[in-house]
Amino acid sequence: MICHAAAQALGRAATTLLVVTADVRGVLAAAQVLARLREHTAEIRAVVRGGVLDDDVVTSSLRLPCAGGLPDQPKLTAALNRGDPPSLGGRSPLGRFCASFLNALPGTGR
């Protein structure tokens, strides 16, 4: 079950990104989350994190378009485990992905 605040946010989102690790466990977990997401939002895209499966296998298994990929980032994992916020600077893979994704959205004026 998704909490009320999350359901409201999902209902208002133009696009929802689902981050999926490219392995069997990641795809199975994402499929469970996806079932709940679809109850609240229509436009869902996959962001594929590094793993053993090809991006197209992950996205076709979930029946989602791919919003992009993110390589494995050990420093990001360590920072998040410490409770530090992720670096979104243009030099980090996550920062580059976010900038590219936002720039490609229609109506952003970028």
PDB file of N, CA and C in Angstrom:
ATOM      1  N   MET A   1       0.836  -1.176   0.000  1.00  0.00           N
ATOM      2  CA  MET A   1       0.000   0.000   0.000  1.00  0.00           C
ATOM      3  C   MET A   1       0.889   1.250   0.000  1.00  0.00           C
ATOM      4  N   ILE A   2       0.500   2.234  -0.771  1.00  0.00           N
ATOM      5  CA  ILE A   2       1.228   3.491  -0.849  1.00  0.00           C
ATOM      6  C   ILE A   2       0.530   4.505   0.044  1.00  0.00           C
ATOM      7  N   CYS A   3       1.313   5.257   0.820  1.00  0.00           N
ATOM      8  CA  CYS A   3       0.724   6.239   1.724  1.00  0.00           C
ATOM      9  C   CYS A   3       0.030   7.351   0.930  1.00  0.00           C
ATOM     10  N   HIS A   4      -0.858   8.067   1.595  1.00  0.00           N
ATOM     11  CA  HIS A   4      -1.666   9.108   0.954  1.00  0.00           C
ATOM     12  C   HIS A   4      -0.797  10.175   0.282  1.00  0.00           C
ATOM     13  N   ALA A   5       0.248  10.631   0.973  1.00  0.00           N
ATOM     14  CA  ALA A   5       1.104  11.679   0.410  1.00  0.00           C
ATOM     15  C   ALA A   5       1.806  11.183  -0.853  1.00  0.00           C
ATOM     16  N   ALA A   6       2.289   9.956  -0.836  1.00  0.00           N
ATOM     17  CA  ALA A   6       2.947   9.403  -2.021  1.00  0.00           C
ATOM     18  C   ALA A   6       1.953   9.252  -3.163  1.00  0.00           C
ATOM     19  N   ALA A   7       0.743   8.812  -2.865  1.00  0.00           N
ATOM     20  CA  ALA A   7      -0.283   8.668  -3.896  1.00  0.00           C
ATOM     21  C   ALA A   7      -0.610  10.020  -4.524  1.00  0.00           C
ATOM     22  N   GLN A   8      -0.675  11.072  -3.704  1.00  0.00           N
ATOM     23  CA  GLN A   8      -0.940  12.421  -4.216  1.00  0.00           C
ATOM     24  C   GLN A   8       0.199  12.888  -5.119  1.00  0.00           C
ATOM     25  N   ALA A   9       1.437  12.667  -4.691  1.00  0.00           N
ATOM     26  CA  ALA A   9       2.595  13.077  -5.493  1.00  0.00           C
ATOM     27  C   ALA A   9       2.626  12.323  -6.822  1.00  0.00           C
ATOM     28  N   LEU A  10       2.379  11.025  -6.774  1.00  0.00           N
ATOM     29  CA  LEU A  10       2.381  10.228  -8.001  1.00  0.00           C
ATOM     30  C   LEU A  10       1.264  10.665  -8.944  1.00  0.00           C
ATOM     31  N   GLY A  11       0.121  10.981  -8.391  1.00  0.00           N
ATOM     32  CA  GLY A  11      -0.998  11.424  -9.213  1.00  0.00           C
ATOM     33  C   GLY A  11      -0.745  12.745  -9.913  1.00  0.00           C
ATOM     34  N   ARG A  12       0.115  13.559  -9.351  1.00  0.00           N
ATOM     35  CA  ARG A  12       0.422  14.870  -9.935  1.00  0.00           C
ATOM     36  C   ARG A  12       1.665  14.862 -10.817  1.00  0.00           C
ATOM     37  N   ALA A  13       2.433  13.788 -10.752  1.00  0.00           N
ATOM     38  CA  ALA A  13       3.680  13.710 -11.523  1.00  0.00           C
ATOM     39  C   ALA A  13       3.397  13.502 -13.006  1.00  0.00           C
ATOM     40  N   ALA A  14       4.074  14.269 -13.840  1.00  0.00           N
ATOM     41  CA  ALA A  14       3.959  14.074 -15.282  1.00  0.00           C
ATOM     42  C   ALA A  14       4.673  12.791 -15.694  1.00  0.00           C
ATOM     43  N   THR A  15       5.788  12.502 -15.048  1.00  0.00           N
ATOM     44  CA  THR A  15       6.571  11.303 -15.324  1.00  0.00           C
ATOM     45  C   THR A  15       7.125  10.770 -14.015  1.00  0.00           C
ATOM     46  N   THR A  16       7.037   9.475 -13.846  1.00  0.00           N
ATOM     47  CA  THR A  16       7.599   8.813 -12.668  1.00  0.00           C
ATOM     48  C   THR A  16       8.730   7.922 -13.126  1.00  0.00           C
ATOM     49  N   LEU A  17       9.874   8.025 -12.460  1.00  0.00           N
ATOM     50  CA  LEU A  17      11.029   7.197 -12.785  1.00  0.00           C
ATOM     51  C   LEU A  17      11.145   6.058 -11.782  1.00  0.00           C
ATOM     52  N   LEU A  18      11.320   4.852 -12.292  1.00  0.00           N
ATOM     53  CA  LEU A  18      11.527   3.671 -11.469  1.00  0.00           C
ATOM     54  C   LEU A  18      12.955   3.198 -11.695  1.00  0.00           C
ATOM     55  N   VAL A  19      13.778   3.272 -10.667  1.00  0.00           N
ATOM     56  CA  VAL A  19      15.179   2.853 -10.773  1.00  0.00           C
ATOM     57  C   VAL A  19      15.242   1.346 -10.562  1.00  0.00           C
ATOM     58  N   VAL A  20      15.863   0.646 -11.518  1.00  0.00           N
ATOM     59  CA  VAL A  20      15.897  -0.814 -11.521  1.00  0.00           C
ATOM     60  C   VAL A  20      17.331  -1.286 -11.701  1.00  0.00           C
ATOM     61  N   THR A  21      17.782  -2.157 -10.826  1.00  0.00           N
ATOM     62  CA  THR A  21      19.086  -2.791 -11.015  1.00  0.00           C
ATOM     63  C   THR A  21      18.940  -3.867 -12.079  1.00  0.00           C
ATOM     64  N   ALA A  22      19.879  -3.926 -12.992  1.00  0.00           N
ATOM     65  CA  ALA A  22      19.796  -4.835 -14.132  1.00  0.00           C
ATOM     66  C   ALA A  22      20.213  -6.257 -13.759  1.00  0.00           C
ATOM     67  N   ASP A  23      19.450  -6.845 -12.856  1.00  0.00           N
ATOM     68  CA  ASP A  23      19.621  -8.258 -12.541  1.00  0.00           C
ATOM     69  C   ASP A  23      18.241  -8.839 -12.246  1.00  0.00           C
ATOM     70  N   VAL A  24      18.150 -10.145 -12.122  1.00  0.00           N
ATOM     71  CA  VAL A  24      16.850 -10.800 -11.960  1.00  0.00           C
ATOM     72  C   VAL A  24      16.145 -10.316 -10.698  1.00  0.00           C
ATOM     73  N   ARG A  25      16.852 -10.233  -9.596  1.00  0.00           N
ATOM     74  CA  ARG A  25      16.234  -9.762  -8.352  1.00  0.00           C
ATOM     75  C   ARG A  25      15.718  -8.330  -8.482  1.00  0.00           C
ATOM     76  N   GLY A  26      16.494  -7.481  -9.149  1.00  0.00           N
ATOM     77  CA  GLY A  26      16.082  -6.096  -9.344  1.00  0.00           C
ATOM     78  C   GLY A  26      14.822  -5.986 -10.184  1.00  0.00           C
ATOM     79  N   VAL A  27      14.742  -6.784 -11.240  1.00  0.00           N
ATOM     80  CA  VAL A  27      13.566  -6.753 -12.113  1.00  0.00           C
ATOM     81  C   VAL A  27      12.342  -7.288 -11.373  1.00  0.00           C
ATOM     82  N   LEU A  28      12.517  -8.354 -10.613  1.00  0.00           N
ATOM     83  CA  LEU A  28      11.389  -8.906  -9.854  1.00  0.00           C
ATOM     84  C   LEU A  28      10.886  -7.912  -8.801  1.00  0.00           C
ATOM     85  N   ALA A  29      11.803  -7.257  -8.117  1.00  0.00           N
ATOM     86  CA  ALA A  29      11.413  -6.254  -7.122  1.00  0.00           C
ATOM     87  C   ALA A  29      10.721  -5.075  -7.798  1.00  0.00           C
ATOM     88  N   ALA A  30      11.263  -4.631  -8.925  1.00  0.00           N
ATOM     89  CA  ALA A  30      10.667  -3.506  -9.646  1.00  0.00           C
ATOM     90  C   ALA A  30       9.266  -3.855 -10.141  1.00  0.00           C
ATOM     91  N   ALA A  31       9.050  -5.081 -10.555  1.00  0.00           N
ATOM     92  CA  ALA A  31       7.728  -5.502 -11.022  1.00  0.00           C
ATOM     93  C   ALA A  31       6.696  -5.391  -9.903  1.00  0.00           C
ATOM     94  N   GLN A  32       7.104  -5.702  -8.685  1.00  0.00           N
ATOM     95  CA  GLN A  32       6.179  -5.589  -7.547  1.00  0.00           C
ATOM     96  C   GLN A  32       5.855  -4.123  -7.267  1.00  0.00           C
ATOM     97  N   VAL A  33       6.864  -3.269  -7.299  1.00  0.00           N
ATOM     98  CA  VAL A  33       6.654  -1.837  -7.074  1.00  0.00           C
ATOM     99  C   VAL A  33       5.811  -1.255  -8.207  1.00  0.00           C
ATOM    100  N   LEU A  34       6.092  -1.686  -9.416  1.00  0.00           N
ATOM    101  CA  LEU A  34       5.400  -1.179 -10.598  1.00  0.00           C
ATOM    102  C   LEU A  34       3.889  -1.423 -10.524  1.00  0.00           C
ATOM    103  N   ALA A  35       3.498  -2.562  -9.997  1.00  0.00           N
ATOM    104  CA  ALA A  35       2.070  -2.852  -9.872  1.00  0.00           C
ATOM    105  C   ALA A  35       1.369  -1.793  -9.025  1.00  0.00           C
ATOM    106  N   ARG A  36       2.014  -1.342  -7.962  1.00  0.00           N
ATOM    107  CA  ARG A  36       1.432  -0.294  -7.102  1.00  0.00           C
ATOM    108  C   ARG A  36       1.515   1.080  -7.767  1.00  0.00           C
ATOM    109  N   LEU A  37       2.633   1.353  -8.445  1.00  0.00           N
ATOM    110  CA  LEU A  37       2.777   2.654  -9.108  1.00  0.00           C
ATOM    111  C   LEU A  37       1.688   2.870 -10.144  1.00  0.00           C
ATOM    112  N   ARG A  38       1.380   1.823 -10.897  1.00  0.00           N
ATOM    113  CA  ARG A  38       0.398   1.948 -11.981  1.00  0.00           C
ATOM    114  C   ARG A  38      -0.993   2.296 -11.462  1.00  0.00           C
ATOM    115  N   GLU A  39      -1.252   2.069 -10.193  1.00  0.00           N
ATOM    116  CA  GLU A  39      -2.537   2.440  -9.607  1.00  0.00           C
ATOM    117  C   GLU A  39      -2.664   3.960  -9.444  1.00  0.00           C
ATOM    118  N   HIS A  40      -1.522   4.666  -9.482  1.00  0.00           N
ATOM    119  CA  HIS A  40      -1.527   6.085  -9.141  1.00  0.00           C
ATOM    120  C   HIS A  40      -0.958   7.006 -10.218  1.00  0.00           C
ATOM    121  N   THR A  41      -0.242   6.470 -11.171  1.00  0.00           N
ATOM    122  CA  THR A  41       0.403   7.300 -12.183  1.00  0.00           C
ATOM    123  C   THR A  41       0.468   6.542 -13.508  1.00  0.00           C
ATOM    124  N   ALA A  42       0.407   7.273 -14.604  1.00  0.00           N
ATOM    125  CA  ALA A  42       0.358   6.625 -15.910  1.00  0.00           C
ATOM    126  C   ALA A  42       1.714   6.583 -16.612  1.00  0.00           C
ATOM    127  N   GLU A  43       2.449   7.668 -16.555  1.00  0.00           N
ATOM    128  CA  GLU A  43       3.719   7.774 -17.292  1.00  0.00           C
ATOM    129  C   GLU A  43       4.857   7.317 -16.393  1.00  0.00           C
ATOM    130  N   ILE A  44       5.320   6.080 -16.606  1.00  0.00           N
ATOM    131  CA  ILE A  44       6.407   5.510 -15.810  1.00  0.00           C
ATOM    132  C   ILE A  44       7.510   5.097 -16.768  1.00  0.00           C
ATOM    133  N   ARG A  45       8.721   5.447 -16.426  1.00  0.00           N
ATOM    134  CA  ARG A  45       9.894   5.072 -17.229  1.00  0.00           C
ATOM    135  C   ARG A  45      10.931   4.422 -16.311  1.00  0.00           C
ATOM    136  N   ALA A  46      11.727   3.554 -16.888  1.00  0.00           N
ATOM    137  CA  ALA A  46      12.755   2.858 -16.125  1.00  0.00           C
ATOM    138  C   ALA A  46      14.096   3.572 -16.258  1.00  0.00           C
ATOM    139  N   VAL A  47      14.795   3.653 -15.141  1.00  0.00           N
ATOM    140  CA  VAL A  47      16.189   4.077 -15.117  1.00  0.00           C
ATOM    141  C   VAL A  47      16.959   2.826 -14.712  1.00  0.00           C
ATOM    142  N   VAL A  48      17.801   2.331 -15.608  1.00  0.00           N
ATOM    143  CA  VAL A  48      18.459   1.046 -15.394  1.00  0.00           C
ATOM    144  C   VAL A  48      19.854   1.254 -14.822  1.00  0.00           C
ATOM    145  N   ARG A  49      20.063   0.645 -13.647  1.00  0.00           N
ATOM    146  CA  ARG A  49      21.388   0.663 -13.014  1.00  0.00           C
ATOM    147  C   ARG A  49      22.155  -0.558 -13.481  1.00  0.00           C
ATOM    148  N   GLY A  50      23.467  -0.437 -13.481  1.00  0.00           N
ATOM    149  CA  GLY A  50      24.337  -1.508 -13.949  1.00  0.00           C
ATOM    150  C   GLY A  50      24.035  -2.858 -13.331  1.00  0.00           C
ATOM    151  N   GLY A  51      24.238  -3.898 -14.098  1.00  0.00           N
ATOM    152  CA  GLY A  51      24.011  -5.257 -13.640  1.00  0.00           C
ATOM    153  C   GLY A  51      24.340  -6.229 -14.752  1.00  0.00           C
ATOM    154  N   VAL A  52      23.853  -7.433 -14.633  1.00  0.00           N
ATOM    155  CA  VAL A  52      24.202  -8.483 -15.588  1.00  0.00           C
ATOM    156  C   VAL A  52      23.266  -8.554 -16.790  1.00  0.00           C
ATOM    157  N   LEU A  53      22.098  -7.927 -16.708  1.00  0.00           N
ATOM    158  CA  LEU A  53      21.141  -7.958 -17.817  1.00  0.00           C
ATOM    159  C   LEU A  53      21.301  -6.722 -18.696  1.00  0.00           C
ATOM    160  N   ASP A  54      20.993  -6.879 -19.972  1.00  0.00           N
ATOM    161  CA  ASP A  54      20.992  -5.739 -20.887  1.00  0.00           C
ATOM    162  C   ASP A  54      19.812  -4.830 -20.566  1.00  0.00           C
ATOM    163  N   ASP A  55      19.978  -3.550 -20.814  1.00  0.00           N
ATOM    164  CA  ASP A  55      18.914  -2.581 -20.543  1.00  0.00           C
ATOM    165  C   ASP A  55      17.606  -2.959 -21.230  1.00  0.00           C
ATOM    166  N   ASP A  56      17.700  -3.423 -22.496  1.00  0.00           N
ATOM    167  CA  ASP A  56      16.471  -3.753 -23.227  1.00  0.00           C
ATOM    168  C   ASP A  56      15.758  -4.968 -22.640  1.00  0.00           C
ATOM    169  N   VAL A  57      16.490  -5.888 -22.034  1.00  0.00           N
ATOM    170  CA  VAL A  57      15.869  -7.032 -21.365  1.00  0.00           C
ATOM    171  C   VAL A  57      15.093  -6.552 -20.139  1.00  0.00           C
ATOM    172  N   VAL A  58      15.695  -5.635 -19.392  1.00  0.00           N
ATOM    173  CA  VAL A  58      15.049  -5.087 -18.195  1.00  0.00           C
ATOM    174  C   VAL A  58      13.773  -4.349 -18.575  1.00  0.00           C
ATOM    175  N   THR A  59      13.873  -3.436 -19.530  1.00  0.00           N
ATOM    176  CA  THR A  59      12.712  -2.614 -19.877  1.00  0.00           C
ATOM    177  C   THR A  59      11.617  -3.422 -20.567  1.00  0.00           C
ATOM    178  N   SER A  60      11.986  -4.380 -21.397  1.00  0.00           N
ATOM    179  CA  SER A  60      10.945  -5.192 -22.043  1.00  0.00           C
ATOM    180  C   SER A  60      10.280  -6.126 -21.035  1.00  0.00           C
ATOM    181  N   SER A  61      11.028  -6.613 -20.056  1.00  0.00           N
ATOM    182  CA  SER A  61      10.436  -7.459 -19.017  1.00  0.00           C
ATOM    183  C   SER A  61       9.408  -6.690 -18.205  1.00  0.00           C
ATOM    184  N   LEU A  62       9.677  -5.412 -17.970  1.00  0.00           N
ATOM    185  CA  LEU A  62       8.772  -4.574 -17.185  1.00  0.00           C
ATOM    186  C   LEU A  62       7.736  -3.860 -18.056  1.00  0.00           C
ATOM    187  N   ARG A  63       7.910  -3.945 -19.375  1.00  0.00           N
ATOM    188  CA  ARG A  63       7.046  -3.241 -20.326  1.00  0.00           C
ATOM    189  C   ARG A  63       7.049  -1.733 -20.058  1.00  0.00           C
ATOM    190  N   LEU A  64       8.262  -1.201 -19.903  1.00  0.00           N
ATOM    191  CA  LEU A  64       8.452   0.226 -19.652  1.00  0.00           C
ATOM    192  C   LEU A  64       9.434   0.803 -20.653  1.00  0.00           C
ATOM    193  N   PRO A  65       9.237   2.059 -21.043  1.00  0.00           N
ATOM    194  CA  PRO A  65      10.276   2.723 -21.824  1.00  0.00           C
ATOM    195  C   PRO A  65      11.474   3.038 -20.923  1.00  0.00           C
ATOM    196  N   CYS A  66      12.636   3.128 -21.529  1.00  0.00           N
ATOM    197  CA  CYS A  66      13.856   3.419 -20.774  1.00  0.00           C
ATOM    198  C   CYS A  66      14.114   4.925 -20.765  1.00  0.00           C
ATOM    199  N   ALA A  67      14.261   5.475 -19.569  1.00  0.00           N
ATOM    200  CA  ALA A  67      14.581   6.896 -19.434  1.00  0.00           C
ATOM    201  C   ALA A  67      16.081   7.129 -19.478  1.00  0.00           C
ATOM    202  N   GLY A  68      16.849   6.060 -19.328  1.00  0.00           N
ATOM    203  CA  GLY A  68      18.305   6.179 -19.340  1.00  0.00           C
ATOM    204  C   GLY A  68      18.920   5.147 -18.429  1.00  0.00           C
ATOM    205  N   GLY A  69      20.224   5.193 -18.370  1.00  0.00           N
ATOM    206  CA  GLY A  69      20.956   4.247 -17.541  1.00  0.00           C
ATOM    207  C   GLY A  69      21.890   4.962 -16.591  1.00  0.00           C
ATOM    208  N   LEU A  70      22.194   4.298 -15.512  1.00  0.00           N
ATOM    209  CA  LEU A  70      23.143   4.815 -14.528  1.00  0.00           C
ATOM    210  C   LEU A  70      24.171   3.730 -14.239  1.00  0.00           C
ATOM    211  N   PRO A  71      25.446   4.052 -14.356  1.00  0.00           N
ATOM    212  CA  PRO A  71      26.464   3.061 -14.005  1.00  0.00           C
ATOM    213  C   PRO A  71      26.514   2.865 -12.488  1.00  0.00           C
ATOM    214  N   ASP A  72      27.124   1.771 -12.077  1.00  0.00           N
ATOM    215  CA  ASP A  72      27.324   1.532 -10.658  1.00  0.00           C
ATOM    216  C   ASP A  72      28.198   2.655 -10.097  1.00  0.00           C
ATOM    217  N   GLN A  73      27.830   3.176  -8.925  1.00  0.00           N
ATOM    218  CA  GLN A  73      28.553   4.286  -8.313  1.00  0.00           C
ATOM    219  C   GLN A  73      28.858   3.958  -6.857  1.00  0.00           C
ATOM    220  N   PRO A  74      29.972   3.289  -6.587  1.00  0.00           N
ATOM    221  CA  PRO A  74      30.290   2.907  -5.215  1.00  0.00           C
ATOM    222  C   PRO A  74      30.348   4.092  -4.248  1.00  0.00           C
ATOM    223  N   LYS A  75      30.825   5.245  -4.699  1.00  0.00           N
ATOM    224  CA  LYS A  75      30.881   6.416  -3.814  1.00  0.00           C
ATOM    225  C   LYS A  75      29.486   6.901  -3.453  1.00  0.00           C
ATOM    226  N   LEU A  76      28.553   6.825  -4.407  1.00  0.00           N
ATOM    227  CA  LEU A  76      27.176   7.225  -4.129  1.00  0.00           C
ATOM    228  C   LEU A  76      26.553   6.280  -3.101  1.00  0.00           C
ATOM    229  N   THR A  77      26.763   4.993  -3.277  1.00  0.00           N
ATOM    230  CA  THR A  77      26.226   4.006  -2.331  1.00  0.00           C
ATOM    231  C   THR A  77      26.768   4.260  -0.933  1.00  0.00           C
ATOM    232  N   ALA A  78      28.060   4.506  -0.832  1.00  0.00           N
ATOM    233  CA  ALA A  78      28.673   4.772   0.477  1.00  0.00           C
ATOM    234  C   ALA A  78      28.102   6.049   1.093  1.00  0.00           C
ATOM    235  N   ALA A  79      27.924   7.089   0.290  1.00  0.00           N
ATOM    236  CA  ALA A  79      27.376   8.361   0.795  1.00  0.00           C
ATOM    237  C   ALA A  79      25.949   8.171   1.294  1.00  0.00           C
ATOM    238  N   LEU A  80      25.137   7.459   0.532  1.00  0.00           N
ATOM    239  CA  LEU A  80      23.755   7.229   0.944  1.00  0.00           C
ATOM    240  C   LEU A  80      23.691   6.384   2.209  1.00  0.00           C
ATOM    241  N   ASN A  81      24.585   5.409   2.333  1.00  0.00           N
ATOM    242  CA  ASN A  81      24.624   4.585   3.544  1.00  0.00           C
ATOM    243  C   ASN A  81      25.019   5.406   4.775  1.00  0.00           C
ATOM    244  N   ARG A  82      25.802   6.462   4.566  1.00  0.00           N
ATOM    245  CA  ARG A  82      26.166   7.367   5.665  1.00  0.00           C
ATOM    246  C   ARG A  82      25.062   8.368   5.956  1.00  0.00           C
ATOM    247  N   GLY A  83      24.076   8.465   5.068  1.00  0.00           N
ATOM    248  CA  GLY A  83      23.010   9.440   5.235  1.00  0.00           C
ATOM    249  C   GLY A  83      23.296  10.759   4.553  1.00  0.00           C
ATOM    250  N   ASP A  84      24.365  10.815   3.754  1.00  0.00           N
ATOM    251  CA  ASP A  84      24.706  12.039   3.018  1.00  0.00           C
ATOM    252  C   ASP A  84      23.839  12.146   1.771  1.00  0.00           C
ATOM    253  N   PRO A  85      23.455  13.360   1.385  1.00  0.00           N
ATOM    254  CA  PRO A  85      22.671  13.513   0.151  1.00  0.00           C
ATOM    255  C   PRO A  85      23.553  13.234  -1.063  1.00  0.00           C
ATOM    256  N   PRO A  86      22.944  12.795  -2.156  1.00  0.00           N
ATOM    257  CA  PRO A  86      23.743  12.536  -3.366  1.00  0.00           C
ATOM    258  C   PRO A  86      24.238  13.837  -3.980  1.00  0.00           C
ATOM    259  N   SER A  87      25.397  13.772  -4.589  1.00  0.00           N
ATOM    260  CA  SER A  87      25.933  14.913  -5.313  1.00  0.00           C
ATOM    261  C   SER A  87      25.255  14.972  -6.671  1.00  0.00           C
ATOM    262  N   LEU A  88      24.645  16.099  -6.977  1.00  0.00           N
ATOM    263  CA  LEU A  88      23.984  16.245  -8.268  1.00  0.00           C
ATOM    264  C   LEU A  88      24.763  17.169  -9.192  1.00  0.00           C
ATOM    265  N   GLY A  89      26.017  17.404  -8.845  1.00  0.00           N
ATOM    266  CA  GLY A  89      26.864  18.235  -9.694  1.00  0.00           C
ATOM    267  C   GLY A  89      27.015  17.610 -11.071  1.00  0.00           C
ATOM    268  N   GLY A  90      27.328  18.434 -12.053  1.00  0.00           N
ATOM    269  CA  GLY A  90      27.428  17.987 -13.433  1.00  0.00           C
ATOM    270  C   GLY A  90      28.480  16.933 -13.693  1.00  0.00           C
ATOM    271  N   ARG A  91      29.366  16.714 -12.757  1.00  0.00           N
ATOM    272  CA  ARG A  91      30.433  15.744 -12.979  1.00  0.00           C
ATOM    273  C   ARG A  91      30.035  14.318 -12.590  1.00  0.00           C
ATOM    274  N   SER A  92      29.059  14.169 -11.720  1.00  0.00           N
ATOM    275  CA  SER A  92      28.673  12.834 -11.281  1.00  0.00           C
ATOM    276  C   SER A  92      27.744  12.197 -12.317  1.00  0.00           C
ATOM    277  N   PRO A  93      27.779  10.864 -12.445  1.00  0.00           N
ATOM    278  CA  PRO A  93      26.856  10.197 -13.373  1.00  0.00           C
ATOM    279  C   PRO A  93      25.387  10.512 -13.060  1.00  0.00           C
ATOM    280  N   LEU A  94      25.043  10.577 -11.780  1.00  0.00           N
ATOM    281  CA  LEU A  94      23.673  10.896 -11.391  1.00  0.00           C
ATOM    282  C   LEU A  94      23.323  12.328 -11.790  1.00  0.00           C
ATOM    283  N   GLY A  95      24.242  13.258 -11.576  1.00  0.00           N
ATOM    284  CA  GLY A  95      24.018  14.652 -11.967  1.00  0.00           C
ATOM    285  C   GLY A  95      23.845  14.803 -13.467  1.00  0.00           C
ATOM    286  N   ARG A  96      24.677  14.103 -14.235  1.00  0.00           N
ATOM    287  CA  ARG A  96      24.568  14.169 -15.699  1.00  0.00           C
ATOM    288  C   ARG A  96      23.239  13.575 -16.166  1.00  0.00           C
ATOM    289  N   PHE A  97      22.834  12.452 -15.563  1.00  0.00           N
ATOM    290  CA  PHE A  97      21.561  11.848 -15.934  1.00  0.00           C
ATOM    291  C   PHE A  97      20.411  12.815 -15.644  1.00  0.00           C
ATOM    292  N   CYS A  98      20.393  13.388 -14.442  1.00  0.00           N
ATOM    293  CA  CYS A  98      19.309  14.303 -14.058  1.00  0.00           C
ATOM    294  C   CYS A  98      19.235  15.495 -15.001  1.00  0.00           C
ATOM    295  N   ALA A  99      20.379  16.098 -15.305  1.00  0.00           N
ATOM    296  CA  ALA A  99      20.396  17.252 -16.210  1.00  0.00           C
ATOM    297  C   ALA A  99      19.883  16.866 -17.591  1.00  0.00           C
ATOM    298  N   SER A 100      20.324  15.728 -18.111  1.00  0.00           N
ATOM    299  CA  SER A 100      19.902  15.275 -19.431  1.00  0.00           C
ATOM    300  C   SER A 100      18.404  14.978 -19.452  1.00  0.00           C
ATOM    301  N   PHE A 101      17.920  14.302 -18.425  1.00  0.00           N
ATOM    302  CA  PHE A 101      16.500  13.953 -18.358  1.00  0.00           C
ATOM    303  C   PHE A 101      15.636  15.210 -18.278  1.00  0.00           C
ATOM    304  N   LEU A 102      15.997  16.122 -17.402  1.00  0.00           N
ATOM    305  CA  LEU A 102      15.208  17.348 -17.241  1.00  0.00           C
ATOM    306  C   LEU A 102      15.217  18.199 -18.498  1.00  0.00           C
ATOM    307  N   ASN A 103      16.360  18.261 -19.170  1.00  0.00           N
ATOM    308  CA  ASN A 103      16.451  19.049 -20.398  1.00  0.00           C
ATOM    309  C   ASN A 103      15.603  18.467 -21.523  1.00  0.00           C
ATOM    310  N   ALA A 104      15.371  17.157 -21.481  1.00  0.00           N
ATOM    311  CA  ALA A 104      14.591  16.501 -22.535  1.00  0.00           C
ATOM    312  C   ALA A 104      13.091  16.553 -22.297  1.00  0.00           C
ATOM    313  N   LEU A 105      12.657  16.951 -21.125  1.00  0.00           N
ATOM    314  CA  LEU A 105      11.223  17.006 -20.848  1.00  0.00           C
ATOM    315  C   LEU A 105      10.566  18.118 -21.652  1.00  0.00           C
ATOM    316  N   PRO A 106       9.418  17.827 -22.247  1.00  0.00           N
ATOM    317  CA  PRO A 106       8.721  18.887 -22.978  1.00  0.00           C
ATOM    318  C   PRO A 106       8.202  19.966 -22.019  1.00  0.00           C
ATOM    319  N   GLY A 107       8.252  21.188 -22.476  1.00  0.00           N
ATOM    320  CA  GLY A 107       7.722  22.286 -21.693  1.00  0.00           C
ATOM    321  C   GLY A 107       8.647  22.806 -20.613  1.00  0.00           C
ATOM    322  N   THR A 108       9.903  22.335 -20.588  1.00  0.00           N
ATOM    323  CA  THR A 108      10.820  22.829 -19.563  1.00  0.00           C
ATOM    324  C   THR A 108      11.512  24.105 -20.004  1.00  0.00           C
ATOM    325  N   GLY A 109      11.423  24.418 -21.286  1.00  0.00           N
ATOM    326  CA  GLY A 109      12.024  25.646 -21.792  1.00  0.00           C
ATOM    327  C   GLY A 109      13.541  25.604 -21.805  1.00  0.00           C
ATOM    328  N   ARG A 110      14.090  24.401 -21.849  1.00  0.00           N
ATOM    329  CA  ARG A 110      15.549  24.286 -21.862  1.00  0.00           C
ATOM    330  C   ARG A 110      16.036  23.814 -23.188  1.00  0.00           C
TER     331      ARG A 110
END
